């Protein structure tokens, strides 16, 4: 039963490798040898994901940041170290220019270095301010609509 539960959480292409196994320890060993190794293939795959990492339309910035942090942790697990400056530059590069160009330029203006955690915090604060502004506009529109109806 436990083997079935484990298989239910695996993607189809991964599930294929452990379909016939009936012992959880054996399933774990197969998955570990295939996906937790520090092989050149795994490092290449993770680095490709890092260098092509982009904020997708409709994804919240919080999820984007969590995905980025997880990707950095996966790289650390296979003993790939990314310099702090590269972490921050790749994160800033992952933001679409049409929505974040002013934010990025303001953040880096006149600075020699930032620090990954400062970039992370600035991005979270930027999103909170953006949400507050949108909420304020929405409330203002609703207030105007209510006032317009009551005076008519």
C-alpha atoms as a PDB file:
ATOM      1  CA  UNK A   1       0.000   0.000   0.000  1.00  0.00           C
ATOM      2  CA  UNK A   2       2.830   2.443   0.864  1.00  0.00           C
ATOM      3  CA  UNK A   3       4.520   1.702  -2.472  1.00  0.00           C
ATOM      4  CA  UNK A   4       1.285   2.596  -4.255  1.00  0.00           C
ATOM      5  CA  UNK A   5       1.055   5.878  -2.369  1.00  0.00           C
ATOM      6  CA  UNK A   6       4.644   6.760  -3.255  1.00  0.00           C
ATOM      7  CA  UNK A   7       4.014   5.931  -6.926  1.00  0.00           C
ATOM      8  CA  UNK A   8       0.869   8.090  -6.943  1.00  0.00           C
ATOM      9  CA  UNK A   9       3.004  11.172  -6.222  1.00  0.00           C
ATOM     10  CA  UNK A  10       5.503  10.489  -9.011  1.00  0.00           C
ATOM     11  CA  UNK A  11       5.334  11.885 -12.518  1.00  0.00           C
ATOM     12  CA  UNK A  12       4.507   9.346 -15.218  1.00  0.00           C
ATOM     13  CA  UNK A  13       8.038   9.163 -16.622  1.00  0.00           C
ATOM     14  CA  UNK A  14       9.502   8.658 -13.140  1.00  0.00           C
ATOM     15  CA  UNK A  15       6.812   6.170 -12.110  1.00  0.00           C
ATOM     16  CA  UNK A  16       7.874   3.893 -14.967  1.00  0.00           C
ATOM     17  CA  UNK A  17      11.188   3.117 -13.223  1.00  0.00           C
ATOM     18  CA  UNK A  18       9.523   1.835 -10.026  1.00  0.00           C
ATOM     19  CA  UNK A  19       6.252   0.313 -11.312  1.00  0.00           C
ATOM     20  CA  UNK A  20       7.061  -3.255 -10.388  1.00  0.00           C
ATOM     21  CA  UNK A  21       8.804  -2.688  -7.062  1.00  0.00           C
ATOM     22  CA  UNK A  22       7.000  -3.889  -3.937  1.00  0.00           C
ATOM     23  CA  UNK A  23       9.411  -2.663  -1.245  1.00  0.00           C
ATOM     24  CA  UNK A  24       9.594   0.982  -0.248  1.00  0.00           C
ATOM     25  CA  UNK A  25      13.307   0.747   0.465  1.00  0.00           C
ATOM     26  CA  UNK A  26      13.944  -0.524  -3.066  1.00  0.00           C
ATOM     27  CA  UNK A  27      11.825   2.308  -4.551  1.00  0.00           C
ATOM     28  CA  UNK A  28      13.781   4.826  -2.503  1.00  0.00           C
ATOM     29  CA  UNK A  29      17.127   3.395  -3.637  1.00  0.00           C
ATOM     30  CA  UNK A  30      16.090   3.523  -7.310  1.00  0.00           C
ATOM     31  CA  UNK A  31      14.845   7.111  -7.034  1.00  0.00           C
ATOM     32  CA  UNK A  32      17.879   8.160  -5.018  1.00  0.00           C
ATOM     33  CA  UNK A  33      20.320   6.673  -7.512  1.00  0.00           C
ATOM     34  CA  UNK A  34      18.494   8.273 -10.426  1.00  0.00           C
ATOM     35  CA  UNK A  35      17.617  11.728  -9.087  1.00  0.00           C
ATOM     36  CA  UNK A  36      19.689  12.520  -5.992  1.00  0.00           C
ATOM     37  CA  UNK A  37      23.079  11.906  -7.494  1.00  0.00           C
ATOM     38  CA  UNK A  38      25.583  14.642  -8.114  1.00  0.00           C
ATOM     39  CA  UNK A  39      25.969  13.589 -11.722  1.00  0.00           C
ATOM     40  CA  UNK A  40      26.871  15.935 -14.525  1.00  0.00           C
ATOM     41  CA  UNK A  41      23.384  15.401 -15.994  1.00  0.00           C
ATOM     42  CA  UNK A  42      21.667  16.599 -12.816  1.00  0.00           C
ATOM     43  CA  UNK A  43      23.971  19.596 -12.489  1.00  0.00           C
ATOM     44  CA  UNK A  44      23.404  20.483 -16.154  1.00  0.00           C
ATOM     45  CA  UNK A  45      19.626  20.158 -15.792  1.00  0.00           C
ATOM     46  CA  UNK A  46      19.536  22.357 -12.682  1.00  0.00           C
ATOM     47  CA  UNK A  47      21.835  24.985 -14.179  1.00  0.00           C
ATOM     48  CA  UNK A  48      19.677  25.137 -17.302  1.00  0.00           C
ATOM     49  CA  UNK A  49      16.618  25.669 -15.130  1.00  0.00           C
ATOM     50  CA  UNK A  50      18.461  28.410 -13.218  1.00  0.00           C
ATOM     51  CA  UNK A  51      19.685  30.287 -16.279  1.00  0.00           C
ATOM     52  CA  UNK A  52      16.292  30.077 -18.020  1.00  0.00           C
ATOM     53  CA  UNK A  53      14.303  30.924 -14.892  1.00  0.00           C
ATOM     54  CA  UNK A  54      11.612  33.531 -15.681  1.00  0.00           C
ATOM     55  CA  UNK A  55       8.523  34.876 -13.964  1.00  0.00           C
ATOM     56  CA  UNK A  56       5.601  33.411 -15.860  1.00  0.00           C
ATOM     57  CA  UNK A  57       2.454  35.402 -16.548  1.00  0.00           C
ATOM     58  CA  UNK A  58      -0.206  34.835 -13.885  1.00  0.00           C
ATOM     59  CA  UNK A  59       2.235  33.489 -11.266  1.00  0.00           C
ATOM     60  CA  UNK A  60       2.338  35.374  -7.982  1.00  0.00           C
ATOM     61  CA  UNK A  61       5.700  36.833  -7.028  1.00  0.00           C
ATOM     62  CA  UNK A  62       5.664  34.848  -3.763  1.00  0.00           C
ATOM     63  CA  UNK A  63       5.458  31.560  -5.657  1.00  0.00           C
ATOM     64  CA  UNK A  64       8.137  32.764  -8.064  1.00  0.00           C
ATOM     65  CA  UNK A  65      10.451  33.555  -5.143  1.00  0.00           C
ATOM     66  CA  UNK A  66       9.725  30.175  -3.505  1.00  0.00           C
ATOM     67  CA  UNK A  67      10.480  28.373  -6.775  1.00  0.00           C
ATOM     68  CA  UNK A  68      13.744  30.298  -7.090  1.00  0.00           C
ATOM     69  CA  UNK A  69      14.758  29.505  -3.513  1.00  0.00           C
ATOM     70  CA  UNK A  70      13.955  25.821  -4.085  1.00  0.00           C
ATOM     71  CA  UNK A  71      16.038  25.822  -7.256  1.00  0.00           C
ATOM     72  CA  UNK A  72      18.979  27.317  -5.352  1.00  0.00           C
ATOM     73  CA  UNK A  73      18.554  24.665  -2.639  1.00  0.00           C
ATOM     74  CA  UNK A  74      18.491  21.899  -5.269  1.00  0.00           C
ATOM     75  CA  UNK A  75      21.735  23.256  -6.711  1.00  0.00           C
ATOM     76  CA  UNK A  76      23.312  23.349  -3.253  1.00  0.00           C
ATOM     77  CA  UNK A  77      22.249  19.703  -2.736  1.00  0.00           C
ATOM     78  CA  UNK A  78      24.343  18.657  -5.740  1.00  0.00           C
ATOM     79  CA  UNK A  79      27.225  20.832  -4.501  1.00  0.00           C
ATOM     80  CA  UNK A  80      26.875  23.641  -7.035  1.00  0.00           C
ATOM     81  CA  UNK A  81      27.638  26.954  -5.415  1.00  0.00           C
ATOM     82  CA  UNK A  82      26.274  30.179  -6.862  1.00  0.00           C
ATOM     83  CA  UNK A  83      27.905  33.439  -5.823  1.00  0.00           C
ATOM     84  CA  UNK A  84      25.728  35.957  -3.995  1.00  0.00           C
ATOM     85  CA  UNK A  85      25.966  38.523  -6.798  1.00  0.00           C
ATOM     86  CA  UNK A  86      24.948  35.910  -9.360  1.00  0.00           C
ATOM     87  CA  UNK A  87      21.943  34.925  -7.228  1.00  0.00           C
ATOM     88  CA  UNK A  88      20.688  38.493  -7.116  1.00  0.00           C
ATOM     89  CA  UNK A  89      21.392  39.209 -10.795  1.00  0.00           C
ATOM     90  CA  UNK A  90      19.673  36.029 -11.970  1.00  0.00           C
ATOM     91  CA  UNK A  91      16.672  36.836  -9.762  1.00  0.00           C
ATOM     92  CA  UNK A  92      16.460  40.388 -11.154  1.00  0.00           C
ATOM     93  CA  UNK A  93      16.892  39.045 -14.679  1.00  0.00           C
ATOM     94  CA  UNK A  94      13.978  36.656 -14.144  1.00  0.00           C
ATOM     95  CA  UNK A  95      11.558  39.584 -13.844  1.00  0.00           C
ATOM     96  CA  UNK A  96       9.828  40.708 -17.044  1.00  0.00           C
ATOM     97  CA  UNK A  97      11.114  44.079 -18.220  1.00  0.00           C
ATOM     98  CA  UNK A  98       7.724  45.559 -19.054  1.00  0.00           C
ATOM     99  CA  UNK A  99       6.517  45.312 -15.440  1.00  0.00           C
ATOM    100  CA  UNK A 100       9.721  45.523 -13.404  1.00  0.00           C
ATOM    101  CA  UNK A 101      12.201  47.627 -15.385  1.00  0.00           C
ATOM    102  CA  UNK A 102      11.677  50.760 -13.265  1.00  0.00           C
ATOM    103  CA  UNK A 103      11.889  48.735 -10.058  1.00  0.00           C
ATOM    104  CA  UNK A 104      15.161  47.064 -11.120  1.00  0.00           C
ATOM    105  CA  UNK A 105      16.754  50.300 -12.312  1.00  0.00           C
ATOM    106  CA  UNK A 106      15.784  52.104  -9.100  1.00  0.00           C
ATOM    107  CA  UNK A 107      17.111  49.239  -6.992  1.00  0.00           C
ATOM    108  CA  UNK A 108      20.533  49.081  -8.648  1.00  0.00           C
ATOM    109  CA  UNK A 109      21.000  52.807  -9.264  1.00  0.00           C
ATOM    110  CA  UNK A 110      24.326  53.987  -7.839  1.00  0.00           C
ATOM    111  CA  UNK A 111      25.120  50.718  -6.038  1.00  0.00           C
ATOM    112  CA  UNK A 112      28.206  48.561  -6.490  1.00  0.00           C
ATOM    113  CA  UNK A 113      26.536  45.548  -4.880  1.00  0.00           C
ATOM    114  CA  UNK A 114      23.210  44.697  -3.281  1.00  0.00           C
ATOM    115  CA  UNK A 115      23.161  41.317  -1.608  1.00  0.00           C
ATOM    116  CA  UNK A 116      20.680  38.583  -2.443  1.00  0.00           C
ATOM    117  CA  UNK A 117      18.622  39.064   0.731  1.00  0.00           C
ATOM    118  CA  UNK A 118      18.257  42.809   0.083  1.00  0.00           C
ATOM    119  CA  UNK A 119      16.999  42.115  -3.437  1.00  0.00           C
ATOM    120  CA  UNK A 120      14.610  39.491  -2.083  1.00  0.00           C
ATOM    121  CA  UNK A 121      13.267  41.888   0.580  1.00  0.00           C
ATOM    122  CA  UNK A 122      12.979  44.780  -1.870  1.00  0.00           C
ATOM    123  CA  UNK A 123      10.997  42.620  -4.286  1.00  0.00           C
ATOM    124  CA  UNK A 124       8.613  41.416  -1.565  1.00  0.00           C
ATOM    125  CA  UNK A 125       8.104  45.021  -0.372  1.00  0.00           C
ATOM    126  CA  UNK A 126       7.541  46.193  -3.954  1.00  0.00           C
ATOM    127  CA  UNK A 127       4.802  43.605  -4.427  1.00  0.00           C
ATOM    128  CA  UNK A 128       3.148  44.541  -1.122  1.00  0.00           C
ATOM    129  CA  UNK A 129       3.108  48.221  -2.110  1.00  0.00           C
ATOM    130  CA  UNK A 130       1.682  47.303  -5.522  1.00  0.00           C
ATOM    131  CA  UNK A 131      -1.101  45.247  -3.905  1.00  0.00           C
ATOM    132  CA  UNK A 132      -1.879  48.075  -1.462  1.00  0.00           C
ATOM    133  CA  UNK A 133      -2.096  50.546  -4.341  1.00  0.00           C
ATOM    134  CA  UNK A 134      -4.433  48.221  -6.283  1.00  0.00           C
ATOM    135  CA  UNK A 135      -6.558  47.692  -3.176  1.00  0.00           C
ATOM    136  CA  UNK A 136      -6.771  51.460  -2.616  1.00  0.00           C
ATOM    137  CA  UNK A 137      -7.846  52.051  -6.243  1.00  0.00           C
ATOM    138  CA  UNK A 138     -10.469  49.334  -5.961  1.00  0.00           C
ATOM    139  CA  UNK A 139     -11.842  50.800  -2.723  1.00  0.00           C
ATOM    140  CA  UNK A 140     -11.886  54.320  -4.227  1.00  0.00           C
ATOM    141  CA  UNK A 141     -13.845  53.120  -7.271  1.00  0.00           C
ATOM    142  CA  UNK A 142     -16.359  51.295  -5.058  1.00  0.00           C
ATOM    143  CA  UNK A 143     -16.758  54.410  -2.892  1.00  0.00           C
ATOM    144  CA  UNK A 144     -17.374  56.588  -5.943  1.00  0.00           C
ATOM    145  CA  UNK A 145     -19.946  54.141  -7.255  1.00  0.00           C
ATOM    146  CA  UNK A 146     -21.821  54.061  -3.942  1.00  0.00           C
ATOM    147  CA  UNK A 147     -21.781  57.861  -3.676  1.00  0.00           C
ATOM    148  CA  UNK A 148     -23.029  58.188  -7.229  1.00  0.00           C
ATOM    149  CA  UNK A 149     -25.997  55.884  -6.578  1.00  0.00           C
ATOM    150  CA  UNK A 150     -27.022  57.471  -3.286  1.00  0.00           C
ATOM    151  CA  UNK A 151     -27.058  61.029  -4.686  1.00  0.00           C
ATOM    152  CA  UNK A 152     -29.146  60.095  -7.750  1.00  0.00           C
END
